[in-house]
Amino acid sequence: MKSFEITFAKIYPDFTRDLIKSCVALTSTEVKVCMMLKINYSNKKILDQLNISLGLSRGNDSLIERITSNPNFQDLSNNFDRQTN
């Protein structure tokens, strides 16, 4: 997982910092989920990366929905999409 985070930080150097500033209540796992959502990982791939079995995924699916429905995450994601296109 560390190599993913390092590679992500090279591609999107300000994303994690800005995310934490915008959504201060996020846990480290939620930040990782946001990073994976940013690069369009599917829910299944996110669960695989976090080593969560499908049987335990119910709570994590709602975590992903909660993150993606957060207006701060949407604004931040849209801002970075404009910068990288």
Protein backbone atom coordinates (compact mmCIF):
# COMPACT_ATOMS: atom_id res chain seq x y z
CA MET A 1 0.00 0.00 0.00
CA LYS A 2 2.89 2.39 0.68
CA SER A 3 4.07 2.25 -2.94
CA PHE A 4 0.53 3.19 -4.04
CA GLU A 5 0.55 6.19 -1.71
CA ILE A 6 3.98 7.33 -2.90
CA THR A 7 3.04 7.01 -6.56
CA PHE A 8 -0.27 8.79 -5.95
CA ALA A 9 1.51 11.67 -4.16
CA LYS A 10 3.83 12.12 -7.15
CA ILE A 11 0.88 12.37 -9.53
CA TYR A 12 -1.41 14.43 -7.26
CA PRO A 13 0.98 16.18 -4.86
CA ASP A 14 -1.63 18.39 -3.15
CA PHE A 15 -4.67 16.11 -3.13
CA THR A 16 -4.19 14.43 0.25
CA ARG A 17 -3.22 17.63 2.03
CA ASP A 18 -6.16 19.54 0.58
CA LEU A 19 -8.52 16.66 1.31
CA ILE A 20 -7.51 16.55 4.97
CA LYS A 21 -7.92 20.33 5.22
CA SER A 22 -11.39 20.15 3.65
CA CYS A 23 -12.61 17.05 5.48
CA VAL A 24 -10.83 17.06 8.82
CA ALA A 25 -12.83 14.18 10.29
CA LEU A 26 -11.60 11.58 7.78
CA THR A 27 -9.74 8.57 9.13
CA SER A 28 -6.57 7.31 7.44
CA THR A 29 -8.59 4.53 5.79
CA GLU A 30 -11.10 7.06 4.47
CA VAL A 31 -8.25 9.13 3.03
CA LYS A 32 -6.92 6.03 1.26
CA VAL A 33 -10.41 5.32 -0.11
CA CYS A 34 -10.58 8.90 -1.42
CA MET A 35 -7.21 8.46 -3.11
CA MET A 36 -8.44 5.29 -4.81
CA LEU A 37 -11.71 6.92 -5.82
CA LYS A 38 -9.74 9.80 -7.32
CA ILE A 39 -8.11 7.41 -9.76
CA ASN A 40 -11.41 5.63 -10.48
CA TYR A 41 -10.86 2.37 -8.61
CA SER A 42 -14.03 0.29 -8.49
CA ASN A 43 -15.54 -0.56 -5.11
CA LYS A 44 -14.30 -4.13 -5.56
CA LYS A 45 -10.76 -3.01 -6.29
CA ILE A 46 -10.83 -0.71 -3.25
CA LEU A 47 -11.96 -3.60 -1.06
CA ASP A 48 -9.19 -5.78 -2.51
CA GLN A 49 -6.55 -3.10 -1.88
CA LEU A 50 -7.72 -2.71 1.71
CA ASN A 51 -7.82 -6.52 2.16
CA ILE A 52 -11.52 -6.49 3.04
CA SER A 53 -13.51 -9.57 2.11
CA LEU A 54 -16.80 -9.17 0.30
CA GLY A 55 -18.58 -10.61 3.33
CA LEU A 56 -17.36 -7.69 5.42
CA SER A 57 -17.88 -5.07 2.75
CA ARG A 58 -21.37 -3.86 3.68
CA GLY A 59 -20.09 -1.22 6.09
CA ASN A 60 -17.32 -0.27 3.69
CA ASP A 61 -19.73 0.22 0.80
CA SER A 62 -21.58 2.75 2.94
CA LEU A 63 -18.20 4.33 3.79
CA ILE A 64 -17.51 4.80 0.08
CA GLU A 65 -20.99 6.25 -0.47
CA ARG A 66 -20.55 8.61 2.51
CA ILE A 67 -17.23 9.85 1.16
CA THR A 68 -18.39 10.35 -2.41
CA SER A 69 -21.55 12.15 -1.32
CA ASN A 70 -19.56 14.62 0.82
CA PRO A 71 -19.68 18.00 -1.00
CA ASN A 72 -16.13 18.80 0.12
CA PHE A 73 -14.80 15.66 -1.54
CA GLN A 74 -16.78 16.35 -4.71
CA ASP A 75 -15.52 19.94 -4.92
CA LEU A 76 -11.94 18.87 -4.29
CA SER A 77 -12.15 16.04 -6.80
CA ASN A 78 -13.67 18.31 -9.45
CA ASN A 79 -10.98 20.92 -8.84
CA PHE A 80 -8.20 18.38 -9.34
CA ASP A 81 -9.93 16.95 -12.41
CA ARG A 82 -9.82 20.41 -14.01
CA GLN A 83 -6.14 20.80 -13.11
CA THR A 84 -5.10 17.45 -14.59
CA ASN A 85 -7.09 17.62 -17.84
